[in-house]
Amino acid sequence: ASNLDPKNPSGIEENGESLAEILKFDNEEHRERTIKTISALEDFCASADFTSAINQFIAEHCSKFEPVEEYPMEYHEIYMKYVEIVDSSLQNFINGISVGEEELFEMIEKIYKVDSGAIMCLEFLMACTEFESFVEMMFDYNGIQNWNQEDEEAQEGNQEEDDQFNALLNMDWSGKKKKEEEAG
């Protein structure tokens, strides 16, 4: 769900002015339409269909992204595939609303200029329109993925240590158990 409130979008006050006042919408209808559209976009981008496609793509490709001085061509090829996925998904959204693609991006840009945090799905959308944003997003996800793998490996190491410790605790140090098993 979106953070945008029709009376005061995203609840932001700046020098006593609401975001709507700062954005200076042409009229109340335009303001309501923008908020309703951005809220619908937020809901769409939070849907399982959209997030699973994006997350699957990111998980599949982020490990290829490492900070380098000059980006390899592969980064751009992956970026173009990402753009296709997001464009296709957004086209499905746009076909279901009464706003054109250009107007939608104008709405997003207008709100973003005032508060980049007002639109939660913005990272995914900006990564679609700007190569640098995409690469940064992939670096971030690669770092998270590496951190999660290191954490899992540490937990596996801890489990091995726990198993060894439990084996030592359960060991019969007197040797009686081994002699009884051999006799039995």
N, C-alpha and C. Protein backbone atom coordinates (compact mmCIF):
# COMPACT_ATOMS: atom_id res chain seq x y z
N ALA A 1 0.84 -1.18 0.00
CA ALA A 1 0.00 0.00 0.00
C ALA A 1 0.88 1.24 0.00
N SER A 2 0.35 2.28 -0.54
CA SER A 2 1.10 3.51 -0.70
C SER A 2 1.12 4.33 0.58
N ASN A 3 2.14 5.17 0.71
CA ASN A 3 2.24 6.11 1.82
C ASN A 3 1.50 7.40 1.55
N LEU A 4 0.93 7.56 0.38
CA LEU A 4 0.34 8.83 -0.02
C LEU A 4 -1.06 8.99 0.55
N ASP A 5 -1.29 10.11 1.21
CA ASP A 5 -2.58 10.46 1.78
C ASP A 5 -3.15 11.58 0.91
N PRO A 6 -4.38 11.43 0.40
CA PRO A 6 -4.94 12.47 -0.49
C PRO A 6 -4.95 13.87 0.12
N LYS A 7 -5.10 13.96 1.44
CA LYS A 7 -5.11 15.29 2.05
C LYS A 7 -3.71 15.85 2.24
N ASN A 8 -2.77 14.98 2.47
CA ASN A 8 -1.39 15.41 2.65
C ASN A 8 -0.49 14.25 2.20
N PRO A 9 -0.21 14.15 0.92
CA PRO A 9 0.55 13.02 0.39
C PRO A 9 1.81 12.75 1.19
N SER A 10 1.98 11.53 1.58
CA SER A 10 3.10 11.00 2.37
C SER A 10 3.29 11.70 3.71
N GLY A 11 2.33 12.58 4.08
CA GLY A 11 2.38 13.21 5.39
C GLY A 11 3.53 14.18 5.56
N ILE A 12 4.13 14.62 4.50
CA ILE A 12 5.31 15.47 4.60
C ILE A 12 4.90 16.93 4.73
N GLU A 13 5.51 17.58 5.66
CA GLU A 13 5.32 19.01 5.84
C GLU A 13 6.68 19.68 5.63
N GLU A 14 6.71 20.69 4.86
CA GLU A 14 7.95 21.42 4.66
C GLU A 14 7.64 22.90 4.79
N ASN A 15 8.17 23.51 5.85
CA ASN A 15 7.90 24.92 6.13
C ASN A 15 6.40 25.19 6.18
N GLY A 16 5.65 24.23 6.79
CA GLY A 16 4.21 24.43 6.95
C GLY A 16 3.40 24.10 5.71
N GLU A 17 4.03 23.69 4.63
CA GLU A 17 3.30 23.38 3.41
C GLU A 17 3.24 21.87 3.21
N SER A 18 2.08 21.39 2.74
CA SER A 18 1.97 19.97 2.45
C SER A 18 2.65 19.70 1.10
N LEU A 19 2.92 18.45 0.85
CA LEU A 19 3.54 18.06 -0.42
C LEU A 19 2.69 18.53 -1.59
N ALA A 20 1.36 18.44 -1.45
CA ALA A 20 0.47 18.87 -2.52
C ALA A 20 0.65 20.36 -2.82
N GLU A 21 0.85 21.16 -1.75
CA GLU A 21 1.06 22.59 -1.98
C GLU A 21 2.40 22.85 -2.65
N ILE A 22 3.40 22.09 -2.25
CA ILE A 22 4.72 22.24 -2.84
C ILE A 22 4.68 21.89 -4.32
N LEU A 23 3.96 20.80 -4.62
CA LEU A 23 3.88 20.34 -6.01
C LEU A 23 3.03 21.25 -6.87
N LYS A 24 2.20 22.06 -6.25
CA LYS A 24 1.36 23.02 -6.97
C LYS A 24 0.59 22.35 -8.11
N PHE A 25 -0.27 21.40 -7.73
CA PHE A 25 -1.12 20.75 -8.72
C PHE A 25 -2.01 21.79 -9.37
N ASP A 26 -2.32 21.54 -10.64
CA ASP A 26 -3.16 22.47 -11.39
C ASP A 26 -4.52 22.67 -10.71
N ASN A 27 -5.06 21.57 -10.22
CA ASN A 27 -6.34 21.64 -9.53
C ASN A 27 -6.51 20.41 -8.65
N GLU A 28 -7.57 20.43 -7.87
CA GLU A 28 -7.84 19.33 -6.92
C GLU A 28 -8.00 18.00 -7.66
N GLU A 29 -8.64 18.02 -8.80
CA GLU A 29 -8.86 16.79 -9.57
C GLU A 29 -7.52 16.18 -10.02
N HIS A 30 -6.62 17.03 -10.47
CA HIS A 30 -5.29 16.55 -10.92
C HIS A 30 -4.52 15.97 -9.74
N ARG A 31 -4.60 16.63 -8.59
CA ARG A 31 -3.93 16.15 -7.39
C ARG A 31 -4.49 14.78 -6.99
N GLU A 32 -5.80 14.67 -6.91
CA GLU A 32 -6.44 13.41 -6.54
C GLU A 32 -6.08 12.30 -7.53
N ARG A 33 -6.07 12.63 -8.81
CA ARG A 33 -5.75 11.65 -9.85
C ARG A 33 -4.30 11.16 -9.71
N THR A 34 -3.39 12.10 -9.43
CA THR A 34 -1.98 11.75 -9.25
C THR A 34 -1.81 10.83 -8.05
N ILE A 35 -2.42 11.19 -6.94
CA ILE A 35 -2.30 10.38 -5.73
C ILE A 35 -2.92 9.00 -5.94
N LYS A 36 -4.08 8.96 -6.56
CA LYS A 36 -4.75 7.69 -6.82
C LYS A 36 -3.89 6.82 -7.75
N THR A 37 -3.30 7.41 -8.76
CA THR A 37 -2.48 6.67 -9.72
C THR A 37 -1.21 6.15 -9.07
N ILE A 38 -0.53 7.00 -8.30
CA ILE A 38 0.71 6.58 -7.63
C ILE A 38 0.40 5.51 -6.58
N SER A 39 -0.72 5.63 -5.89
CA SER A 39 -1.12 4.60 -4.92
C SER A 39 -1.36 3.27 -5.63
N ALA A 40 -2.02 3.32 -6.78
CA ALA A 40 -2.27 2.10 -7.55
C ALA A 40 -0.95 1.51 -8.05
N LEU A 41 -0.02 2.38 -8.44
CA LEU A 41 1.30 1.91 -8.89
C LEU A 41 2.03 1.22 -7.73
N GLU A 42 1.97 1.81 -6.55
CA GLU A 42 2.59 1.20 -5.37
C GLU A 42 2.00 -0.19 -5.12
N ASP A 43 0.68 -0.28 -5.18
CA ASP A 43 0.02 -1.57 -4.95
C ASP A 43 0.44 -2.58 -6.02
N PHE A 44 0.51 -2.13 -7.26
CA PHE A 44 0.91 -3.01 -8.35
C PHE A 44 2.35 -3.50 -8.14
N CYS A 45 3.24 -2.59 -7.80
CA CYS A 45 4.65 -2.95 -7.61
C CYS A 45 4.86 -3.80 -6.36
N ALA A 46 3.90 -3.80 -5.45
CA ALA A 46 3.99 -4.64 -4.26
C ALA A 46 3.34 -6.01 -4.48
N SER A 47 2.71 -6.18 -5.64
CA SER A 47 2.03 -7.45 -5.92
C SER A 47 3.03 -8.58 -6.09
N ALA A 48 2.59 -9.77 -5.80
CA ALA A 48 3.46 -10.95 -5.90
C ALA A 48 3.97 -11.15 -7.33
N ASP A 49 3.13 -10.89 -8.31
CA ASP A 49 3.56 -11.08 -9.70
C ASP A 49 4.76 -10.19 -10.04
N PHE A 50 4.66 -8.93 -9.66
CA PHE A 50 5.74 -8.00 -9.98
C PHE A 50 6.99 -8.29 -9.15
N THR A 51 6.82 -8.40 -7.84
CA THR A 51 7.99 -8.57 -6.98
C THR A 51 8.70 -9.89 -7.21
N SER A 52 7.96 -10.95 -7.48
CA SER A 52 8.64 -12.24 -7.69
C SER A 52 9.45 -12.22 -8.98
N ALA A 53 8.92 -11.60 -10.03
CA ALA A 53 9.67 -11.52 -11.29
C ALA A 53 10.95 -10.69 -11.11
N ILE A 54 10.84 -9.57 -10.42
CA ILE A 54 11.99 -8.70 -10.19
C ILE A 54 13.00 -9.38 -9.28
N ASN A 55 12.52 -9.94 -8.16
CA ASN A 55 13.43 -10.59 -7.22
C ASN A 55 14.13 -11.79 -7.83
N GLN A 56 13.42 -12.55 -8.64
CA GLN A 56 14.04 -13.70 -9.30
C GLN A 56 15.14 -13.23 -10.25
N PHE A 57 14.86 -12.17 -11.01
CA PHE A 57 15.85 -11.63 -11.94
C PHE A 57 17.08 -11.13 -11.18
N ILE A 58 16.85 -10.37 -10.13
CA ILE A 58 17.96 -9.81 -9.35
C ILE A 58 18.80 -10.93 -8.74
N ALA A 59 18.12 -11.90 -8.13
CA ALA A 59 18.84 -13.02 -7.50
C ALA A 59 19.68 -13.79 -8.52
N GLU A 60 19.16 -13.90 -9.72
CA GLU A 60 19.85 -14.65 -10.77
C GLU A 60 21.09 -13.91 -11.28
N HIS A 61 21.06 -12.58 -11.26
CA HIS A 61 22.11 -11.82 -11.92
C HIS A 61 23.00 -10.97 -11.02
N CYS A 62 22.59 -10.68 -9.79
CA CYS A 62 23.34 -9.71 -8.98
C CYS A 62 24.75 -10.18 -8.64
N SER A 63 24.97 -11.48 -8.58
CA SER A 63 26.31 -11.96 -8.23
C SER A 63 27.36 -11.62 -9.29
N LYS A 64 26.90 -11.24 -10.46
CA LYS A 64 27.82 -10.86 -11.55
C LYS A 64 28.31 -9.42 -11.41
N PHE A 65 27.72 -8.68 -10.48
CA PHE A 65 28.01 -7.25 -10.35
C PHE A 65 28.99 -6.99 -9.21
N GLU A 66 30.17 -6.59 -9.58
CA GLU A 66 31.23 -6.22 -8.64
C GLU A 66 31.72 -4.83 -9.03
N PRO A 67 32.05 -3.99 -8.06
CA PRO A 67 32.58 -2.67 -8.38
C PRO A 67 33.87 -2.78 -9.20
N VAL A 68 33.87 -2.16 -10.35
CA VAL A 68 35.04 -2.13 -11.23
C VAL A 68 35.17 -0.72 -11.80
N GLU A 69 36.35 -0.42 -12.32
CA GLU A 69 36.54 0.92 -12.89
C GLU A 69 35.72 1.12 -14.15
N GLU A 70 35.68 0.11 -15.01
CA GLU A 70 34.92 0.20 -16.25
C GLU A 70 33.97 -0.98 -16.31
N TYR A 71 32.69 -0.68 -16.48
CA TYR A 71 31.69 -1.73 -16.48
C TYR A 71 31.82 -2.62 -17.72
N PRO A 72 31.77 -3.93 -17.53
CA PRO A 72 31.81 -4.82 -18.68
C PRO A 72 30.50 -4.73 -19.48
N MET A 73 30.55 -5.10 -20.71
CA MET A 73 29.38 -5.05 -21.60
C MET A 73 28.24 -5.91 -21.04
N GLU A 74 28.58 -6.97 -20.34
CA GLU A 74 27.58 -7.86 -19.76
C GLU A 74 26.62 -7.10 -18.84
N TYR A 75 27.11 -6.08 -18.13
CA TYR A 75 26.24 -5.29 -17.25
C TYR A 75 25.12 -4.65 -18.06
N HIS A 76 25.48 -4.09 -19.21
CA HIS A 76 24.48 -3.42 -20.05
C HIS A 76 23.50 -4.43 -20.63
N GLU A 77 23.99 -5.59 -21.01
CA GLU A 77 23.10 -6.63 -21.55
C GLU A 77 22.09 -7.07 -20.48
N ILE A 78 22.54 -7.23 -19.26
CA ILE A 78 21.65 -7.61 -18.17
C ILE A 78 20.66 -6.48 -17.89
N TYR A 79 21.16 -5.25 -17.95
CA TYR A 79 20.30 -4.08 -17.76
C TYR A 79 19.16 -4.06 -18.78
N MET A 80 19.48 -4.35 -20.03
CA MET A 80 18.45 -4.33 -21.08
C MET A 80 17.39 -5.42 -20.82
N LYS A 81 17.79 -6.55 -20.31
CA LYS A 81 16.83 -7.61 -19.96
C LYS A 81 15.93 -7.14 -18.81
N TYR A 82 16.53 -6.45 -17.84
CA TYR A 82 15.77 -5.92 -16.72
C TYR A 82 14.73 -4.90 -17.22
N VAL A 83 15.17 -4.02 -18.10
CA VAL A 83 14.26 -3.01 -18.66
C VAL A 83 13.08 -3.70 -19.35
N GLU A 84 13.34 -4.76 -20.09
CA GLU A 84 12.26 -5.49 -20.76
C GLU A 84 11.25 -6.04 -19.76
N ILE A 85 11.74 -6.62 -18.68
CA ILE A 85 10.85 -7.20 -17.66
C ILE A 85 9.99 -6.11 -17.02
N VAL A 86 10.63 -5.02 -16.61
CA VAL A 86 9.89 -3.94 -15.95
C VAL A 86 8.93 -3.27 -16.93
N ASP A 87 9.39 -3.00 -18.16
CA ASP A 87 8.52 -2.38 -19.17
C ASP A 87 7.29 -3.23 -19.43
N SER A 88 7.49 -4.50 -19.57
CA SER A 88 6.37 -5.41 -19.82
C SER A 88 5.38 -5.37 -18.66
N SER A 89 5.88 -5.42 -17.45
CA SER A 89 5.02 -5.36 -16.27
C SER A 89 4.30 -4.02 -16.18
N LEU A 90 5.04 -2.95 -16.39
CA LEU A 90 4.43 -1.61 -16.32
C LEU A 90 3.39 -1.41 -17.41
N GLN A 91 3.64 -1.98 -18.57
CA GLN A 91 2.67 -1.86 -19.66
C GLN A 91 1.36 -2.51 -19.26
N ASN A 92 1.43 -3.65 -18.58
CA ASN A 92 0.21 -4.30 -18.08
C ASN A 92 -0.51 -3.38 -17.09
N PHE A 93 0.24 -2.70 -16.22
CA PHE A 93 -0.35 -1.76 -15.28
C PHE A 93 -0.99 -0.58 -16.02
N ILE A 94 -0.26 0.00 -16.94
CA ILE A 94 -0.74 1.18 -17.67
C ILE A 94 -1.99 0.85 -18.48
N ASN A 95 -2.03 -0.35 -19.05
CA ASN A 95 -3.21 -0.75 -19.82
C ASN A 95 -4.46 -0.82 -18.94
N GLY A 96 -4.27 -0.99 -17.63
CA GLY A 96 -5.40 -1.10 -16.71
C GLY A 96 -5.83 0.20 -16.08
N ILE A 97 -5.13 1.30 -16.38
CA ILE A 97 -5.51 2.59 -15.81
C ILE A 97 -5.74 3.59 -16.93
N SER A 98 -6.25 4.75 -16.57
CA SER A 98 -6.57 5.77 -17.58
C SER A 98 -5.49 6.84 -17.68
N VAL A 99 -4.23 6.44 -17.51
CA VAL A 99 -3.11 7.37 -17.58
C VAL A 99 -2.10 6.80 -18.56
N GLY A 100 -1.58 7.64 -19.42
CA GLY A 100 -0.56 7.19 -20.37
C GLY A 100 0.81 7.06 -19.71
N GLU A 101 1.69 6.40 -20.39
CA GLU A 101 3.04 6.16 -19.86
C GLU A 101 3.77 7.46 -19.56
N GLU A 102 3.70 8.41 -20.48
CA GLU A 102 4.41 9.68 -20.29
C GLU A 102 3.86 10.44 -19.08
N GLU A 103 2.53 10.47 -18.96
CA GLU A 103 1.92 11.17 -17.83
C GLU A 103 2.27 10.48 -16.51
N LEU A 104 2.30 9.14 -16.51
CA LEU A 104 2.66 8.39 -15.31
C LEU A 104 4.07 8.77 -14.86
N PHE A 105 5.02 8.80 -15.80
CA PHE A 105 6.38 9.15 -15.43
C PHE A 105 6.50 10.60 -15.00
N GLU A 106 5.68 11.49 -15.54
CA GLU A 106 5.66 12.87 -15.08
C GLU A 106 5.17 12.95 -13.63
N MET A 107 4.15 12.15 -13.31
CA MET A 107 3.64 12.10 -11.94
C MET A 107 4.72 11.60 -10.98
N ILE A 108 5.37 10.53 -11.37
CA ILE A 108 6.43 9.95 -10.54
C ILE A 108 7.55 10.97 -10.34
N GLU A 109 7.98 11.59 -11.42
CA GLU A 109 9.07 12.56 -11.35
C GLU A 109 8.70 13.75 -10.46
N LYS A 110 7.47 14.20 -10.57
CA LYS A 110 7.04 15.36 -9.79
C LYS A 110 7.11 15.05 -8.29
N ILE A 111 6.65 13.89 -7.91
CA ILE A 111 6.68 13.52 -6.50
C ILE A 111 8.11 13.22 -6.06
N TYR A 112 8.88 12.55 -6.91
CA TYR A 112 10.26 12.20 -6.58
C TYR A 112 11.11 13.43 -6.31
N LYS A 113 10.91 14.50 -7.06
CA LYS A 113 11.71 15.71 -6.89
C LYS A 113 11.54 16.31 -5.50
N VAL A 114 10.37 16.12 -4.93
CA VAL A 114 10.11 16.68 -3.61
C VAL A 114 10.51 15.71 -2.50
N ASP A 115 10.17 14.42 -2.71
CA ASP A 115 10.48 13.43 -1.69
C ASP A 115 10.73 12.08 -2.35
N SER A 116 11.99 11.72 -2.49
CA SER A 116 12.34 10.47 -3.16
C SER A 116 11.87 9.25 -2.38
N GLY A 117 11.55 9.41 -1.10
CA GLY A 117 11.08 8.29 -0.29
C GLY A 117 9.57 8.11 -0.31
N ALA A 118 8.85 9.00 -0.96
CA ALA A 118 7.39 8.92 -0.97
C ALA A 118 6.88 7.75 -1.79
N ILE A 119 7.66 7.31 -2.74
CA ILE A 119 7.24 6.20 -3.60
C ILE A 119 8.16 5.02 -3.31
N MET A 120 7.60 4.01 -2.65
CA MET A 120 8.39 2.89 -2.19
C MET A 120 9.01 2.06 -3.33
N CYS A 121 8.33 1.96 -4.45
CA CYS A 121 8.81 1.13 -5.55
C CYS A 121 9.78 1.88 -6.46
N LEU A 122 10.15 3.07 -6.06
CA LEU A 122 10.95 3.92 -6.93
C LEU A 122 12.30 3.31 -7.31
N GLU A 123 12.94 2.58 -6.41
CA GLU A 123 14.25 2.00 -6.73
C GLU A 123 14.15 1.11 -7.95
N PHE A 124 13.13 0.26 -8.01
CA PHE A 124 12.96 -0.64 -9.14
C PHE A 124 12.70 0.14 -10.44
N LEU A 125 11.90 1.21 -10.32
CA LEU A 125 11.56 2.00 -11.51
C LEU A 125 12.74 2.85 -11.99
N MET A 126 13.46 3.46 -11.04
CA MET A 126 14.62 4.27 -11.42
C MET A 126 15.70 3.39 -12.04
N ALA A 127 15.82 2.17 -11.54
CA ALA A 127 16.81 1.24 -12.10
C ALA A 127 16.47 0.89 -13.53
N CYS A 128 15.22 1.07 -13.89
CA CYS A 128 14.79 0.79 -15.26
C CYS A 128 15.11 1.96 -16.19
N THR A 129 15.14 3.16 -15.66
CA THR A 129 15.33 4.33 -16.51
C THR A 129 16.76 4.85 -16.53
N GLU A 130 17.57 4.43 -15.55
CA GLU A 130 18.94 4.91 -15.48
C GLU A 130 19.90 3.75 -15.25
N PHE A 131 20.81 3.56 -16.17
CA PHE A 131 21.78 2.46 -16.08
C PHE A 131 22.56 2.50 -14.78
N GLU A 132 23.02 3.67 -14.38
CA GLU A 132 23.79 3.81 -13.14
C GLU A 132 22.98 3.37 -11.93
N SER A 133 21.70 3.74 -11.89
CA SER A 133 20.83 3.33 -10.78
C SER A 133 20.68 1.81 -10.76
N PHE A 134 20.56 1.21 -11.93
CA PHE A 134 20.46 -0.24 -12.03
C PHE A 134 21.72 -0.91 -11.49
N VAL A 135 22.87 -0.43 -11.91
CA VAL A 135 24.14 -1.02 -11.47
C VAL A 135 24.28 -0.88 -9.96
N GLU A 136 23.95 0.28 -9.41
CA GLU A 136 24.02 0.48 -7.95
C GLU A 136 23.08 -0.47 -7.23
N MET A 137 21.87 -0.64 -7.76
CA MET A 137 20.92 -1.56 -7.15
C MET A 137 21.49 -2.99 -7.15
N MET A 138 22.10 -3.39 -8.25
CA MET A 138 22.66 -4.73 -8.34
C MET A 138 23.85 -4.89 -7.39
N PHE A 139 24.68 -3.86 -7.26
CA PHE A 139 25.78 -3.90 -6.27
C PHE A 139 25.21 -4.11 -4.87
N ASP A 140 24.15 -3.34 -4.55
CA ASP A 140 23.54 -3.44 -3.23
C ASP A 140 23.02 -4.86 -2.97
N TYR A 141 22.30 -5.39 -3.95
CA TYR A 141 21.75 -6.74 -3.77
C TYR A 141 22.85 -7.79 -3.73
N ASN A 142 23.90 -7.60 -4.48
CA ASN A 142 25.02 -8.54 -4.44
C ASN A 142 25.64 -8.52 -3.04
N GLY A 143 25.79 -7.34 -2.48
CA GLY A 143 26.33 -7.23 -1.13
C GLY A 143 25.44 -7.93 -0.11
N ILE A 144 24.14 -7.77 -0.25
CA ILE A 144 23.20 -8.43 0.65
C ILE A 144 23.28 -9.94 0.48
N GLN A 145 23.33 -10.37 -0.77
CA GLN A 145 23.40 -11.81 -1.05
C GLN A 145 24.68 -12.41 -0.47
N ASN A 146 25.80 -11.71 -0.64
CA ASN A 146 27.07 -12.18 -0.08
C ASN A 146 27.02 -12.22 1.44
N TRP A 147 26.42 -11.21 2.04
CA TRP A 147 26.30 -11.15 3.49
C TRP A 147 25.45 -12.33 3.99
N ASN A 148 24.33 -12.61 3.30
CA ASN A 148 23.47 -13.73 3.68
C ASN A 148 24.21 -15.06 3.56
N GLN A 149 25.00 -15.22 2.49
CA GLN A 149 25.76 -16.46 2.31
C GLN A 149 26.80 -16.62 3.42
N GLU A 150 27.48 -15.54 3.76
CA GLU A 150 28.47 -15.59 4.84
C GLU A 150 27.80 -15.94 6.15
N ASP A 151 26.60 -15.38 6.39
CA ASP A 151 25.86 -15.65 7.61
C ASP A 151 25.44 -17.13 7.66
N GLU A 152 24.96 -17.67 6.53
CA GLU A 152 24.58 -19.08 6.47
C GLU A 152 25.79 -19.98 6.71
N GLU A 153 26.94 -19.63 6.11
CA GLU A 153 28.15 -20.43 6.30
C GLU A 153 28.59 -20.40 7.76
N ALA A 154 28.45 -19.25 8.39
CA ALA A 154 28.82 -19.14 9.80
C ALA A 154 27.87 -19.99 10.66
N GLN A 155 26.60 -19.98 10.30
CA GLN A 155 25.63 -20.79 11.04
C GLN A 155 25.92 -22.28 10.85
N GLU A 156 26.29 -22.68 9.61
CA GLU A 156 26.64 -24.07 9.35
C GLU A 156 27.88 -24.46 10.17
N GLY A 157 28.86 -23.58 10.23
CA GLY A 157 30.06 -23.82 11.03
C GLY A 157 29.72 -23.95 12.50
N ASN A 158 28.81 -23.10 12.97
CA ASN A 158 28.36 -23.17 14.37
C ASN A 158 27.64 -24.49 14.63
N GLN A 159 26.86 -24.96 13.65
CA GLN A 159 26.15 -26.23 13.82
C GLN A 159 27.13 -27.39 13.95
N GLU A 160 28.19 -27.36 13.13
CA GLU A 160 29.22 -28.40 13.22
C GLU A 160 29.88 -28.38 14.60
N GLU A 161 30.19 -27.18 15.08
CA GLU A 161 30.79 -27.05 16.41
C GLU A 161 29.83 -27.54 17.49
N ASP A 162 28.55 -27.21 17.35
CA ASP A 162 27.54 -27.67 18.31
C ASP A 162 27.45 -29.20 18.30
N ASP A 163 27.47 -29.79 17.11
CA ASP A 163 27.40 -31.26 17.00
C ASP A 163 28.61 -31.92 17.66
N GLN A 164 29.78 -31.34 17.43
CA GLN A 164 30.99 -31.88 18.04
C GLN A 164 30.93 -31.76 19.57
N PHE A 165 30.46 -30.62 20.02
CA PHE A 165 30.35 -30.38 21.46
C PHE A 165 29.36 -31.37 22.08
N ASN A 166 28.19 -31.55 21.43
CA ASN A 166 27.19 -32.49 21.94
C ASN A 166 27.73 -33.91 21.94
N ALA A 167 28.50 -34.28 20.93
CA ALA A 167 29.09 -35.61 20.88
C ALA A 167 30.04 -35.80 22.07
N LEU A 168 30.81 -34.79 22.37
CA LEU A 168 31.71 -34.86 23.52
C LEU A 168 30.94 -34.99 24.83
N LEU A 169 29.85 -34.23 24.94
CA LEU A 169 29.03 -34.30 26.16
C LEU A 169 28.41 -35.68 26.34
N ASN A 170 28.00 -36.29 25.24
CA ASN A 170 27.33 -37.59 25.31
C ASN A 170 28.30 -38.77 25.37
N MET A 171 29.56 -38.48 25.23
CA MET A 171 30.56 -39.55 25.23
C MET A 171 30.72 -40.13 26.63
N ASP A 172 30.84 -41.42 26.71
CA ASP A 172 31.09 -42.10 27.97
C ASP A 172 32.59 -42.17 28.15
N TRP A 173 33.10 -41.30 28.98
CA TRP A 173 34.55 -41.18 29.13
C TRP A 173 35.18 -42.34 29.91
N SER A 174 34.35 -43.12 30.56
CA SER A 174 34.91 -44.21 31.37
C SER A 174 35.27 -45.42 30.50
N GLY A 175 34.74 -45.46 29.30
CA GLY A 175 35.04 -46.57 28.40
C GLY A 175 34.09 -47.74 28.60
N LYS A 176 33.21 -47.68 29.60
CA LYS A 176 32.29 -48.77 29.87
C LYS A 176 31.33 -49.01 28.71
N LYS A 177 30.84 -47.95 28.11
CA LYS A 177 29.85 -48.08 27.04
C LYS A 177 30.44 -48.84 25.86
N LYS A 178 31.65 -48.52 25.50
CA LYS A 178 32.29 -49.18 24.36
C LYS A 178 32.48 -50.67 24.66
N LYS A 179 32.90 -51.01 25.90
CA LYS A 179 33.11 -52.41 26.27
C LYS A 179 31.79 -53.17 26.27
N GLU A 180 30.69 -52.49 26.73
CA GLU A 180 29.38 -53.12 26.74
C GLU A 180 28.88 -53.39 25.33
N GLU A 181 29.12 -52.43 24.40
CA GLU A 181 28.71 -52.61 23.01
C GLU A 181 29.47 -53.75 22.36
N GLU A 182 30.76 -53.85 22.66
CA GLU A 182 31.58 -54.93 22.09
C GLU A 182 31.11 -56.28 22.63
N ALA A 183 30.71 -56.34 23.89
CA ALA A 183 30.29 -57.58 24.52
C ALA A 183 28.90 -57.98 24.03
N GLY A 184 28.05 -56.95 23.71
CA GLY A 184 26.65 -57.18 23.36
C GLY A 184 26.43 -57.72 22.03
